[in-house]
Amino acid sequence: MKPIQLVPLSGAGGNGFTQEPALDLLEYLAAGLARAFRVPCRVSSRSVELGFALDGRRGQYYSSAILQELERAADVDARILGVTSCDLYVPVLTFVFGEAQLDGACAVVSTARLSEPFYGLPRRDDLLRERLLKEAIHELGHTFGLRHCQDWRCVMASSHAVERLDVKTADFCSRCRKPVFQNGFW
C-alpha cells in the first residue's frame, strides 16, 4: 500500500496573516494515520499556498479546487492528505470538514471548525487532535473507495457537525474494514 504524505496548506487567516497547521499537530496526525492504516506517514517539507481557492465573498476556501491542485502536484507513489487551518466549503454546503477523491489519491481536511474556540469555547488541544484524526481517517477512507456508513460509530459515518464527529470512533466498522482488507490494502 502507498505511504501517506501530509501536505501543509496555508492561507490568509482572519487577521490577514498566513496560517497553516502547527508542526506538532501534523506530526501527531502522521503518527495516528500510520497506526490506523499500517503504512508510513510523513509530513511533507513543502507546503501549498491556497490563495487560488479563496472565495472572497464567503471568506472560505473551495476544497474541490484544492484537491485538483494536490492531484496535479501529487507524488504517484503516495496517498496525499492536505491539512489546513483555513475554513473549507463546497458550493452546495455551508462548510466541510474535509473532502476526498473517491478511489483517488488525494484528500484534504481542515482544523478550522474542529477547534473549540471556533464555537466560542476554551481551547482543547486533545479534542482538536482527536477530531482531526477521525476526519483524516474518514477522508482517506474515501480514497480507498469507501462511502458513508450507516453505523454511527464507524469512522466512515457522515459528520456534518462536530457533535456527530465526537460520538463516532476512529475505527472502521467490520463492514467498512472488510473490503479494504480483501483488496490487500492492509
Protein backbone atom coordinates (compact mmCIF):
# COMPACT_ATOMS: atom_id res chain seq x y z
CA MET A 1 0.00 0.00 0.00
CA LYS A 2 1.17 3.52 -0.76
CA PRO A 3 2.54 5.62 2.12
CA ILE A 4 0.62 8.71 3.22
CA GLN A 5 2.13 12.15 2.75
CA LEU A 6 0.72 15.09 4.74
CA VAL A 7 0.98 18.38 2.89
CA PRO A 8 0.57 21.58 4.96
CA LEU A 9 -1.77 24.05 3.27
CA SER A 10 -1.52 27.74 4.10
CA GLY A 11 -3.89 30.62 3.56
CA ALA A 12 -4.74 34.04 4.90
CA GLY A 13 -6.35 33.97 8.33
CA GLY A 14 -8.99 36.34 9.61
CA ASN A 15 -6.20 38.65 10.78
CA GLY A 16 -4.68 38.78 7.28
CA PHE A 17 -1.61 36.76 8.29
CA THR A 18 -0.71 33.49 6.62
CA GLN A 19 -1.66 30.49 8.71
CA GLU A 20 -1.09 26.76 8.47
CA PRO A 21 -1.39 23.88 10.94
CA ALA A 22 1.29 23.64 13.62
CA LEU A 23 4.07 21.12 13.01
CA ASP A 24 3.38 19.27 16.29
CA LEU A 25 -0.25 18.77 15.23
CA LEU A 26 0.85 17.44 11.83
CA GLU A 27 3.35 15.08 13.49
CA TYR A 28 0.64 13.80 15.85
CA LEU A 29 -1.64 13.24 12.85
CA ALA A 30 1.10 11.44 10.91
CA ALA A 31 1.70 9.03 13.81
CA GLY A 32 -2.04 8.36 14.20
CA LEU A 33 -2.54 7.72 10.48
CA ALA A 34 0.49 5.40 10.36
CA ARG A 35 -1.12 3.33 13.15
CA ALA A 36 -4.59 3.39 11.59
CA PHE A 37 -3.53 2.44 8.06
CA ARG A 38 -0.36 0.50 8.95
CA VAL A 39 1.75 2.39 6.43
CA PRO A 40 4.47 5.01 6.70
CA CYS A 41 3.13 8.54 7.01
CA ARG A 42 5.27 11.65 6.89
CA VAL A 43 4.85 15.39 6.83
CA SER A 44 5.99 16.97 3.57
CA SER A 45 8.61 19.69 3.73
CA ARG A 46 6.73 21.60 1.03
CA SER A 47 3.52 23.48 1.64
CA VAL A 48 0.88 24.74 -0.75
CA GLU A 49 -0.45 28.30 -0.58
CA LEU A 50 -4.24 28.34 -1.03
CA GLY A 51 -4.86 31.83 -2.42
CA PHE A 52 -6.13 30.31 -5.67
CA ALA A 53 -9.01 28.61 -3.81
CA LEU A 54 -10.22 31.57 -1.74
CA ASP A 55 -13.76 32.78 -2.29
CA GLY A 56 -13.57 36.36 -1.03
CA ARG A 57 -17.33 36.70 -0.62
CA ARG A 58 -17.55 33.61 1.59
CA GLY A 59 -14.17 34.03 3.28
CA GLN A 60 -13.67 30.30 2.74
CA TYR A 61 -11.53 28.06 0.55
CA TYR A 62 -13.03 25.81 -2.14
CA SER A 63 -12.00 22.28 -1.21
CA SER A 64 -12.59 20.77 -4.69
CA ALA A 65 -10.13 23.26 -6.22
CA ILE A 66 -7.60 22.33 -3.53
CA LEU A 67 -7.99 18.64 -4.40
CA GLN A 68 -7.35 19.40 -8.07
CA GLU A 69 -4.17 21.30 -7.17
CA LEU A 70 -2.98 18.49 -4.88
CA GLU A 71 -3.60 15.98 -7.65
CA ARG A 72 -1.51 17.99 -10.14
CA ALA A 73 1.46 18.05 -7.77
CA ALA A 74 0.90 14.59 -6.25
CA ASP A 75 3.61 12.00 -5.84
CA VAL A 76 2.34 8.94 -7.76
CA ASP A 77 3.87 6.71 -5.11
CA ALA A 78 1.95 8.25 -2.18
CA ARG A 79 -1.55 8.97 -0.95
CA ILE A 80 -1.77 12.75 -0.30
CA LEU A 81 -3.62 14.42 2.57
CA GLY A 82 -3.64 18.21 2.54
CA VAL A 83 -4.09 19.71 6.01
CA THR A 84 -5.14 23.30 6.57
CA SER A 85 -6.43 25.55 9.31
CA CYS A 86 -8.46 27.50 6.73
CA ASP A 87 -12.25 27.11 6.56
CA LEU A 88 -13.36 24.90 3.63
CA TYR A 89 -16.56 24.75 1.59
CA VAL A 90 -18.21 23.20 -1.43
CA PRO A 91 -20.88 25.29 -3.19
CA VAL A 92 -23.86 23.22 -2.01
CA LEU A 93 -22.84 23.27 1.68
CA THR A 94 -22.09 25.99 4.22
CA PHE A 95 -18.80 24.26 5.09
CA VAL A 96 -16.99 20.93 5.02
CA PHE A 97 -14.52 19.43 7.48
CA GLY A 98 -12.80 17.79 4.52
CA GLU A 99 -13.19 16.31 1.06
CA ALA A 100 -11.64 13.41 -0.83
CA GLN A 101 -11.47 11.85 -4.25
CA LEU A 102 -13.44 8.60 -4.15
CA ASP A 103 -10.99 5.88 -5.18
CA GLY A 104 -8.42 8.63 -5.78
CA ALA A 105 -5.08 9.58 -4.30
CA CYS A 106 -5.87 12.92 -2.65
CA ALA A 107 -7.88 14.25 0.28
CA VAL A 108 -8.00 17.48 2.27
CA VAL A 109 -9.03 18.25 5.87
CA SER A 110 -9.40 21.47 7.83
CA THR A 111 -8.95 22.18 11.53
CA ALA A 112 -10.97 25.43 11.32
CA ARG A 113 -14.28 24.05 12.59
CA LEU A 114 -12.73 21.22 14.62
CA SER A 115 -11.35 23.55 17.30
CA GLU A 116 -13.41 24.63 20.30
CA PRO A 117 -12.57 28.37 20.00
CA PHE A 118 -14.47 28.40 16.67
CA TYR A 119 -17.60 27.76 18.77
CA GLY A 120 -16.67 30.28 21.47
CA LEU A 121 -15.38 27.60 23.86
CA PRO A 122 -11.98 27.28 25.58
CA ARG A 123 -9.17 25.70 23.59
CA ARG A 124 -8.84 21.90 23.99
CA ASP A 125 -5.86 20.55 22.08
CA ASP A 126 -6.74 16.94 22.97
CA LEU A 127 -10.20 17.28 21.41
CA LEU A 128 -8.81 19.01 18.31
CA ARG A 129 -6.30 16.17 17.78
CA GLU A 130 -9.00 13.52 18.25
CA ARG A 131 -11.38 15.22 15.81
CA LEU A 132 -8.64 15.82 13.24
CA LEU A 133 -7.54 12.18 13.33
CA LYS A 134 -11.12 10.94 12.84
CA GLU A 135 -11.73 13.34 9.97
CA ALA A 136 -8.42 12.45 8.30
CA ILE A 137 -9.12 8.70 8.56
CA HIS A 138 -12.62 9.32 7.20
CA GLU A 139 -11.42 11.29 4.17
CA LEU A 140 -8.60 8.83 3.45
CA GLY A 141 -11.20 6.05 3.69
CA HIS A 142 -12.95 7.67 0.72
CA THR A 143 -9.69 7.46 -1.27
CA PHE A 144 -9.88 3.69 -0.72
CA GLY A 145 -13.36 3.68 -2.27
CA LEU A 146 -15.35 3.64 0.97
CA ARG A 147 -18.64 5.53 1.05
CA HIS A 148 -20.54 6.87 4.06
CA CYS A 149 -21.55 4.20 6.55
CA GLN A 150 -24.91 3.86 8.32
CA ASP A 151 -23.21 2.71 11.55
CA TRP A 152 -22.94 5.94 13.59
CA ARG A 153 -19.90 4.57 15.47
CA CYS A 154 -17.90 3.87 12.29
CA VAL A 155 -15.32 6.45 11.24
CA MET A 156 -16.96 6.41 7.80
CA ALA A 157 -20.28 7.73 9.19
CA SER A 158 -21.14 11.12 7.74
CA SER A 159 -20.48 14.05 10.09
CA HIS A 160 -21.96 17.46 9.38
CA ALA A 161 -21.38 18.77 12.92
CA VAL A 162 -18.62 18.29 15.49
CA GLU A 163 -21.11 16.64 17.84
CA ARG A 164 -21.55 13.82 15.30
CA LEU A 165 -17.79 13.61 14.88
CA ASP A 166 -17.35 13.34 18.65
CA VAL A 167 -19.65 10.32 19.07
CA LYS A 168 -18.11 8.16 16.37
CA THR A 169 -14.89 6.23 16.82
CA ALA A 170 -11.64 6.49 14.87
CA ASP A 171 -12.11 2.89 13.69
CA PHE A 172 -13.75 1.29 10.66
CA CYS A 173 -16.71 -0.97 11.38
CA SER A 174 -16.33 -4.59 10.26
CA ARG A 175 -18.31 -3.93 7.06
CA CYS A 176 -16.10 -0.98 6.05
CA ARG A 177 -12.90 -2.73 7.09
CA LYS A 178 -13.69 -5.93 5.18
CA PRO A 179 -13.38 -4.60 1.58
CA VAL A 180 -10.16 -2.82 2.46
CA PHE A 181 -8.61 -6.00 3.90
CA GLN A 182 -9.89 -8.12 0.98
CA ASN A 183 -8.30 -5.76 -1.52
CA GLY A 184 -4.96 -6.19 0.18
CA PHE A 185 -4.62 -2.65 1.44
CA TRP A 186 -3.67 -3.92 4.90
